[in-house]
Amino acid sequence: MTLSLVLILIASVCGGGGAVARQYILNRTAHLVIAPLHQVNAGMLCVNAIGCAAAAAWALVARHYALNPTLIVCVSAGVLGGFTSFSTPAAQSAHMAGEKTAGKPGSCTTSHAAGHGVWHATAYTLIMLAVCSATYALVTLVGGSY
């Protein structure tokens, strides 16, 4: 399959649709937070877990039905690429790592303030990786069994 301008345009439009769906879910889950990481919206974790499950399911469907490569690219890179976002959690992690938490209720003393933000960033990144990897693996294992 050659990369054509039409394919790029179609995948871009599909990506826009995925981004709109992502924003809808984030708006609906704005009140949910990850318990120890009070400033982090759990919606992004939900979006990426759903996206990873959908990517695994789509890969299985595409392989099973030998779908058209253009359709595969439009759904995987377009819709699912626009829907998921790993740059948003990366930015949130960078923000948490640089955060000064001393003086805030429930925070550490000033000597541990910088380490507290790094701990939150590391925990959030590990949670994101674990949930997305487990979701993709589970869908692939279940889907590959039939």
N, C-alpha and C. Protein backbone atom coordinates (compact mmCIF):
# COMPACT_ATOMS: atom_id res chain seq x y z
N MET A 1 0.84 -1.17 0.00
CA MET A 1 0.00 0.00 0.00
C MET A 1 0.89 1.24 0.00
N THR A 2 0.66 2.13 -0.92
CA THR A 2 1.42 3.37 -0.96
C THR A 2 0.68 4.42 -0.14
N LEU A 3 1.46 5.28 0.47
CA LEU A 3 0.89 6.35 1.28
C LEU A 3 0.47 7.47 0.35
N SER A 4 -0.81 7.68 0.24
CA SER A 4 -1.31 8.70 -0.66
C SER A 4 -1.89 9.87 0.12
N LEU A 5 -2.04 10.97 -0.53
CA LEU A 5 -2.62 12.15 0.09
C LEU A 5 -4.04 11.88 0.55
N VAL A 6 -4.79 11.13 -0.22
CA VAL A 6 -6.18 10.82 0.15
C VAL A 6 -6.21 10.00 1.44
N LEU A 7 -5.32 9.02 1.56
CA LEU A 7 -5.26 8.20 2.77
C LEU A 7 -4.91 9.07 3.97
N ILE A 8 -3.97 9.97 3.80
CA ILE A 8 -3.58 10.86 4.89
C ILE A 8 -4.75 11.74 5.31
N LEU A 9 -5.48 12.26 4.34
CA LEU A 9 -6.63 13.11 4.66
C LEU A 9 -7.73 12.33 5.36
N ILE A 10 -8.02 11.13 4.89
CA ILE A 10 -9.06 10.31 5.52
C ILE A 10 -8.66 9.93 6.94
N ALA A 11 -7.41 9.52 7.13
CA ALA A 11 -6.93 9.16 8.47
C ALA A 11 -6.98 10.38 9.39
N SER A 12 -6.69 11.56 8.86
CA SER A 12 -6.74 12.78 9.67
C SER A 12 -8.16 13.10 10.12
N VAL A 13 -9.11 12.95 9.21
CA VAL A 13 -10.51 13.18 9.57
C VAL A 13 -10.95 12.16 10.62
N CYS A 14 -10.54 10.91 10.44
CA CYS A 14 -10.86 9.87 11.43
C CYS A 14 -10.23 10.20 12.78
N GLY A 15 -9.01 10.73 12.75
CA GLY A 15 -8.34 11.14 13.98
C GLY A 15 -9.09 12.25 14.70
N GLY A 16 -9.66 13.16 13.94
CA GLY A 16 -10.48 14.22 14.53
C GLY A 16 -11.69 13.64 15.23
N GLY A 17 -12.31 12.64 14.62
CA GLY A 17 -13.45 11.97 15.25
C GLY A 17 -13.05 11.29 16.55
N GLY A 18 -11.89 10.65 16.53
CA GLY A 18 -11.39 10.00 17.75
C GLY A 18 -11.11 11.01 18.85
N ALA A 19 -10.56 12.17 18.49
CA ALA A 19 -10.27 13.22 19.47
C ALA A 19 -11.55 13.78 20.08
N VAL A 20 -12.59 13.91 19.28
CA VAL A 20 -13.88 14.39 19.79
C VAL A 20 -14.45 13.37 20.79
N ALA A 21 -14.34 12.09 20.47
CA ALA A 21 -14.82 11.05 21.39
C ALA A 21 -14.02 11.07 22.69
N ARG A 22 -12.70 11.28 22.59
CA ARG A 22 -11.85 11.36 23.78
C ARG A 22 -12.30 12.53 24.65
N GLN A 23 -12.51 13.68 24.06
CA GLN A 23 -12.91 14.86 24.84
C GLN A 23 -14.26 14.66 25.50
N TYR A 24 -15.17 13.98 24.83
CA TYR A 24 -16.48 13.69 25.41
C TYR A 24 -16.32 12.86 26.69
N ILE A 25 -15.50 11.82 26.62
CA ILE A 25 -15.29 10.97 27.80
C ILE A 25 -14.59 11.75 28.91
N LEU A 26 -13.60 12.56 28.55
CA LEU A 26 -12.90 13.36 29.57
C LEU A 26 -13.86 14.33 30.26
N ASN A 27 -14.75 14.93 29.50
CA ASN A 27 -15.73 15.84 30.10
C ASN A 27 -16.68 15.11 31.03
N ARG A 28 -17.07 13.90 30.65
CA ARG A 28 -18.01 13.12 31.46
C ARG A 28 -17.36 12.55 32.72
N THR A 29 -16.03 12.42 32.73
CA THR A 29 -15.33 11.84 33.87
C THR A 29 -14.48 12.86 34.62
N ALA A 30 -14.72 14.14 34.40
CA ALA A 30 -13.89 15.20 35.00
C ALA A 30 -13.88 15.15 36.53
N HIS A 31 -14.92 14.62 37.14
CA HIS A 31 -15.01 14.57 38.59
C HIS A 31 -14.27 13.39 39.20
N LEU A 32 -13.86 12.43 38.38
CA LEU A 32 -13.16 11.25 38.89
C LEU A 32 -11.66 11.52 39.00
N VAL A 33 -11.06 11.11 40.11
CA VAL A 33 -9.62 11.27 40.27
C VAL A 33 -9.03 9.95 40.75
N ILE A 34 -7.73 9.79 40.53
CA ILE A 34 -7.01 8.62 41.02
C ILE A 34 -6.62 8.94 42.46
N ALA A 35 -7.08 8.14 43.41
CA ALA A 35 -7.00 8.44 44.85
C ALA A 35 -5.72 9.11 45.33
N PRO A 36 -4.55 8.49 45.23
CA PRO A 36 -3.38 9.18 45.79
C PRO A 36 -2.89 10.33 44.91
N LEU A 37 -3.35 10.39 43.69
CA LEU A 37 -2.90 11.42 42.76
C LEU A 37 -4.04 12.40 42.54
N HIS A 38 -4.35 13.17 43.55
CA HIS A 38 -5.56 13.99 43.61
C HIS A 38 -5.76 14.92 42.41
N GLN A 39 -4.69 15.36 41.80
CA GLN A 39 -4.83 16.33 40.71
C GLN A 39 -4.95 15.66 39.34
N VAL A 40 -5.00 14.35 39.29
CA VAL A 40 -5.03 13.65 38.00
C VAL A 40 -6.43 13.13 37.70
N ASN A 41 -6.95 13.49 36.55
CA ASN A 41 -8.25 13.03 36.09
C ASN A 41 -8.14 11.57 35.67
N ALA A 42 -8.96 10.72 36.27
CA ALA A 42 -8.96 9.30 35.94
C ALA A 42 -9.52 9.04 34.54
N GLY A 43 -10.16 10.04 33.95
CA GLY A 43 -10.73 9.88 32.62
C GLY A 43 -9.68 9.53 31.57
N MET A 44 -8.50 10.12 31.66
CA MET A 44 -7.45 9.83 30.68
C MET A 44 -7.00 8.38 30.78
N LEU A 45 -6.96 7.85 31.99
CA LEU A 45 -6.64 6.45 32.18
C LEU A 45 -7.72 5.57 31.54
N CYS A 46 -8.98 5.95 31.73
CA CYS A 46 -10.10 5.21 31.12
C CYS A 46 -10.03 5.27 29.60
N VAL A 47 -9.77 6.45 29.07
CA VAL A 47 -9.68 6.62 27.61
C VAL A 47 -8.58 5.73 27.03
N ASN A 48 -7.41 5.75 27.64
CA ASN A 48 -6.31 4.96 27.10
C ASN A 48 -6.54 3.46 27.27
N ALA A 49 -7.18 3.05 28.36
CA ALA A 49 -7.51 1.63 28.53
C ALA A 49 -8.52 1.19 27.47
N ILE A 50 -9.53 2.00 27.24
CA ILE A 50 -10.53 1.70 26.20
C ILE A 50 -9.85 1.65 24.83
N GLY A 51 -8.98 2.63 24.57
CA GLY A 51 -8.26 2.68 23.30
C GLY A 51 -7.37 1.46 23.07
N CYS A 52 -6.69 1.01 24.12
CA CYS A 52 -5.84 -0.17 23.98
C CYS A 52 -6.66 -1.43 23.74
N ALA A 53 -7.79 -1.53 24.43
CA ALA A 53 -8.68 -2.68 24.21
C ALA A 53 -9.23 -2.65 22.78
N ALA A 54 -9.62 -1.46 22.33
CA ALA A 54 -10.14 -1.34 20.96
C ALA A 54 -9.06 -1.64 19.93
N ALA A 55 -7.82 -1.22 20.18
CA ALA A 55 -6.72 -1.50 19.25
C ALA A 55 -6.46 -3.00 19.15
N ALA A 56 -6.48 -3.67 20.28
CA ALA A 56 -6.28 -5.12 20.26
C ALA A 56 -7.42 -5.83 19.54
N ALA A 57 -8.64 -5.42 19.84
CA ALA A 57 -9.80 -6.02 19.18
C ALA A 57 -9.77 -5.74 17.67
N TRP A 58 -9.41 -4.51 17.30
CA TRP A 58 -9.34 -4.15 15.88
C TRP A 58 -8.28 -4.96 15.16
N ALA A 59 -7.14 -5.18 15.80
CA ALA A 59 -6.07 -5.98 15.19
C ALA A 59 -6.55 -7.41 14.94
N LEU A 60 -7.29 -7.95 15.90
CA LEU A 60 -7.82 -9.31 15.74
C LEU A 60 -8.85 -9.38 14.60
N VAL A 61 -9.74 -8.40 14.56
CA VAL A 61 -10.77 -8.37 13.51
C VAL A 61 -10.11 -8.20 12.14
N ALA A 62 -9.16 -7.27 12.05
CA ALA A 62 -8.49 -7.01 10.77
C ALA A 62 -7.76 -8.26 10.27
N ARG A 63 -7.11 -8.98 11.18
CA ARG A 63 -6.41 -10.20 10.79
C ARG A 63 -7.39 -11.30 10.39
N HIS A 64 -8.44 -11.46 11.20
CA HIS A 64 -9.39 -12.54 10.94
C HIS A 64 -10.12 -12.36 9.61
N TYR A 65 -10.52 -11.13 9.29
CA TYR A 65 -11.28 -10.87 8.07
C TYR A 65 -10.44 -10.37 6.91
N ALA A 66 -9.12 -10.30 7.09
CA ALA A 66 -8.20 -9.82 6.05
C ALA A 66 -8.72 -8.51 5.43
N LEU A 67 -8.91 -7.53 6.28
CA LEU A 67 -9.49 -6.26 5.86
C LEU A 67 -8.54 -5.46 4.97
N ASN A 68 -9.11 -4.53 4.25
CA ASN A 68 -8.38 -3.64 3.37
C ASN A 68 -7.38 -2.82 4.19
N PRO A 69 -6.11 -2.74 3.77
CA PRO A 69 -5.10 -1.99 4.52
C PRO A 69 -5.46 -0.51 4.74
N THR A 70 -6.16 0.09 3.79
CA THR A 70 -6.57 1.49 3.96
C THR A 70 -7.54 1.62 5.13
N LEU A 71 -8.47 0.70 5.23
CA LEU A 71 -9.42 0.72 6.34
C LEU A 71 -8.69 0.49 7.66
N ILE A 72 -7.73 -0.41 7.67
CA ILE A 72 -6.97 -0.68 8.89
C ILE A 72 -6.25 0.58 9.36
N VAL A 73 -5.61 1.29 8.44
CA VAL A 73 -4.89 2.52 8.80
C VAL A 73 -5.85 3.59 9.29
N CYS A 74 -6.98 3.75 8.62
CA CYS A 74 -7.94 4.78 9.01
C CYS A 74 -8.48 4.55 10.41
N VAL A 75 -8.74 3.31 10.76
CA VAL A 75 -9.28 3.03 12.09
C VAL A 75 -8.18 3.04 13.15
N SER A 76 -7.06 2.35 12.87
CA SER A 76 -6.03 2.25 13.90
C SER A 76 -5.27 3.56 14.10
N ALA A 77 -4.69 4.10 13.06
CA ALA A 77 -3.93 5.35 13.18
C ALA A 77 -4.86 6.55 13.29
N GLY A 78 -5.97 6.50 12.58
CA GLY A 78 -6.89 7.63 12.58
C GLY A 78 -7.75 7.69 13.82
N VAL A 79 -8.78 6.87 13.88
CA VAL A 79 -9.75 6.93 14.98
C VAL A 79 -9.09 6.63 16.32
N LEU A 80 -8.39 5.49 16.41
CA LEU A 80 -7.81 5.11 17.70
C LEU A 80 -6.62 5.99 18.07
N GLY A 81 -5.87 6.45 17.09
CA GLY A 81 -4.77 7.38 17.36
C GLY A 81 -5.28 8.71 17.87
N GLY A 82 -6.39 9.18 17.32
CA GLY A 82 -6.98 10.42 17.80
C GLY A 82 -7.68 10.26 19.14
N PHE A 83 -8.21 9.06 19.38
CA PHE A 83 -8.93 8.80 20.62
C PHE A 83 -7.98 8.70 21.81
N THR A 84 -6.92 7.93 21.67
CA THR A 84 -5.97 7.78 22.78
C THR A 84 -5.02 8.95 22.82
N SER A 85 -4.41 9.13 23.96
CA SER A 85 -3.41 10.20 24.09
C SER A 85 -2.41 9.78 25.13
N PHE A 86 -1.20 9.55 24.68
CA PHE A 86 -0.15 9.26 25.64
C PHE A 86 0.70 10.50 25.87
N SER A 87 0.48 11.55 25.10
CA SER A 87 1.20 12.80 25.34
C SER A 87 0.57 13.56 26.51
N THR A 88 -0.74 13.45 26.68
CA THR A 88 -1.40 14.12 27.80
C THR A 88 -0.91 13.57 29.14
N PRO A 89 -0.89 12.22 29.33
CA PRO A 89 -0.34 11.71 30.58
C PRO A 89 1.14 12.06 30.76
N ALA A 90 1.88 12.12 29.67
CA ALA A 90 3.30 12.49 29.78
C ALA A 90 3.42 13.93 30.28
N ALA A 91 2.59 14.81 29.77
CA ALA A 91 2.61 16.21 30.23
C ALA A 91 2.16 16.30 31.68
N GLN A 92 1.14 15.53 32.04
CA GLN A 92 0.68 15.53 33.43
C GLN A 92 1.78 15.02 34.36
N SER A 93 2.49 13.99 33.93
CA SER A 93 3.59 13.45 34.74
C SER A 93 4.70 14.47 34.91
N ALA A 94 5.04 15.16 33.84
CA ALA A 94 6.09 16.18 33.92
C ALA A 94 5.67 17.30 34.87
N HIS A 95 4.39 17.67 34.81
CA HIS A 95 3.88 18.70 35.71
C HIS A 95 3.97 18.24 37.16
N MET A 96 3.57 16.98 37.41
CA MET A 96 3.63 16.45 38.78
C MET A 96 5.06 16.37 39.28
N ALA A 97 5.98 15.98 38.42
CA ALA A 97 7.38 15.83 38.82
C ALA A 97 7.97 17.16 39.27
N GLY A 98 7.55 18.25 38.66
CA GLY A 98 8.07 19.56 39.01
C GLY A 98 7.29 20.28 40.08
N GLU A 99 6.23 19.64 40.56
CA GLU A 99 5.34 20.28 41.52
C GLU A 99 5.96 20.39 42.90
N LYS A 100 5.74 21.51 43.55
CA LYS A 100 6.15 21.71 44.94
C LYS A 100 4.92 21.50 45.80
N THR A 101 4.95 20.49 46.68
CA THR A 101 3.76 20.17 47.47
C THR A 101 3.89 20.59 48.92
N ALA A 102 5.03 21.14 49.34
CA ALA A 102 5.20 21.54 50.73
C ALA A 102 4.20 22.62 51.10
N GLY A 103 3.65 22.51 52.28
CA GLY A 103 2.70 23.51 52.76
C GLY A 103 1.26 23.21 52.39
N LYS A 104 1.05 22.24 51.49
CA LYS A 104 -0.32 21.87 51.13
C LYS A 104 -0.83 20.85 52.14
N PRO A 105 -2.12 20.82 52.41
CA PRO A 105 -2.66 19.85 53.36
C PRO A 105 -2.29 18.43 52.96
N GLY A 106 -1.78 17.68 53.92
CA GLY A 106 -1.41 16.28 53.66
C GLY A 106 -0.11 16.12 52.92
N SER A 107 0.67 17.19 52.77
CA SER A 107 1.91 17.10 52.01
C SER A 107 3.09 16.81 52.92
N CYS A 108 4.22 16.56 52.30
CA CYS A 108 5.45 16.28 53.02
C CYS A 108 6.07 17.58 53.51
N THR A 109 7.11 17.47 54.28
CA THR A 109 7.85 18.67 54.70
C THR A 109 8.64 19.19 53.52
N THR A 110 9.21 20.38 53.67
CA THR A 110 9.92 21.00 52.55
C THR A 110 11.09 20.15 52.06
N SER A 111 11.72 19.38 52.92
CA SER A 111 12.86 18.58 52.48
C SER A 111 12.45 17.44 51.54
N HIS A 112 11.21 17.06 51.60
CA HIS A 112 10.74 15.97 50.74
C HIS A 112 9.80 16.44 49.64
N ALA A 113 9.59 17.75 49.51
CA ALA A 113 8.59 18.27 48.58
C ALA A 113 8.86 17.87 47.14
N ALA A 114 10.10 18.01 46.68
CA ALA A 114 10.41 17.69 45.28
C ALA A 114 10.21 16.21 45.01
N GLY A 115 10.61 15.36 45.93
CA GLY A 115 10.45 13.92 45.76
C GLY A 115 9.01 13.48 45.70
N HIS A 116 8.14 14.22 46.36
CA HIS A 116 6.71 13.89 46.38
C HIS A 116 6.12 14.00 44.98
N GLY A 117 6.45 15.07 44.24
CA GLY A 117 5.96 15.24 42.87
C GLY A 117 6.50 14.18 41.94
N VAL A 118 7.76 13.82 42.11
CA VAL A 118 8.37 12.77 41.30
C VAL A 118 7.68 11.43 41.57
N TRP A 119 7.37 11.17 42.84
CA TRP A 119 6.67 9.93 43.19
C TRP A 119 5.31 9.87 42.51
N HIS A 120 4.55 10.96 42.54
CA HIS A 120 3.24 10.99 41.86
C HIS A 120 3.38 10.76 40.36
N ALA A 121 4.37 11.41 39.75
CA ALA A 121 4.59 11.25 38.31
C ALA A 121 4.94 9.81 37.97
N THR A 122 5.82 9.22 38.76
CA THR A 122 6.23 7.83 38.52
C THR A 122 5.06 6.88 38.71
N ALA A 123 4.30 7.07 39.78
CA ALA A 123 3.15 6.20 40.05
C ALA A 123 2.13 6.30 38.92
N TYR A 124 1.84 7.51 38.47
CA TYR A 124 0.87 7.70 37.40
C TYR A 124 1.33 7.04 36.11
N THR A 125 2.58 7.19 35.77
CA THR A 125 3.12 6.59 34.55
C THR A 125 3.05 5.07 34.63
N LEU A 126 3.41 4.50 35.77
CA LEU A 126 3.36 3.04 35.93
C LEU A 126 1.93 2.52 35.89
N ILE A 127 1.00 3.26 36.50
CA ILE A 127 -0.41 2.85 36.45
C ILE A 127 -0.89 2.85 35.00
N MET A 128 -0.57 3.90 34.26
CA MET A 128 -0.99 4.01 32.86
C MET A 128 -0.42 2.85 32.03
N LEU A 129 0.86 2.59 32.18
CA LEU A 129 1.49 1.50 31.42
C LEU A 129 0.89 0.14 31.79
N ALA A 130 0.70 -0.10 33.07
CA ALA A 130 0.18 -1.38 33.51
C ALA A 130 -1.25 -1.62 33.01
N VAL A 131 -2.09 -0.62 33.16
CA VAL A 131 -3.49 -0.78 32.74
C VAL A 131 -3.59 -0.98 31.23
N CYS A 132 -2.86 -0.17 30.46
CA CYS A 132 -2.94 -0.27 29.00
C CYS A 132 -2.34 -1.58 28.49
N SER A 133 -1.21 -1.99 29.06
CA SER A 133 -0.58 -3.25 28.64
C SER A 133 -1.46 -4.44 29.00
N ALA A 134 -2.01 -4.43 30.20
CA ALA A 134 -2.87 -5.54 30.63
C ALA A 134 -4.14 -5.60 29.78
N THR A 135 -4.71 -4.46 29.47
CA THR A 135 -5.92 -4.42 28.65
C THR A 135 -5.66 -4.99 27.27
N TYR A 136 -4.58 -4.54 26.65
CA TYR A 136 -4.23 -5.02 25.30
C TYR A 136 -3.97 -6.52 25.33
N ALA A 137 -3.21 -6.99 26.32
CA ALA A 137 -2.89 -8.41 26.43
C ALA A 137 -4.14 -9.25 26.66
N LEU A 138 -5.03 -8.78 27.52
CA LEU A 138 -6.24 -9.53 27.81
C LEU A 138 -7.13 -9.68 26.58
N VAL A 139 -7.34 -8.60 25.87
CA VAL A 139 -8.17 -8.66 24.66
C VAL A 139 -7.53 -9.57 23.62
N THR A 140 -6.22 -9.48 23.47
CA THR A 140 -5.52 -10.32 22.49
C THR A 140 -5.64 -11.79 22.88
N LEU A 141 -5.46 -12.10 24.16
CA LEU A 141 -5.56 -13.51 24.61
C LEU A 141 -6.99 -14.04 24.44
N VAL A 142 -7.96 -13.28 24.86
CA VAL A 142 -9.35 -13.72 24.76
C VAL A 142 -9.75 -13.83 23.28
N GLY A 143 -9.42 -12.83 22.50
CA GLY A 143 -9.78 -12.83 21.09
C GLY A 143 -9.06 -13.89 20.28
N GLY A 144 -7.83 -14.20 20.67
CA GLY A 144 -7.06 -15.20 19.93
C GLY A 144 -7.51 -16.62 20.21
N SER A 145 -8.39 -16.80 21.22
CA SER A 145 -8.80 -18.16 21.58
C SER A 145 -9.94 -18.69 20.74
N TYR A 146 -10.56 -17.83 19.91
CA TYR A 146 -11.63 -18.36 19.07
C TYR A 146 -11.54 -17.92 17.66
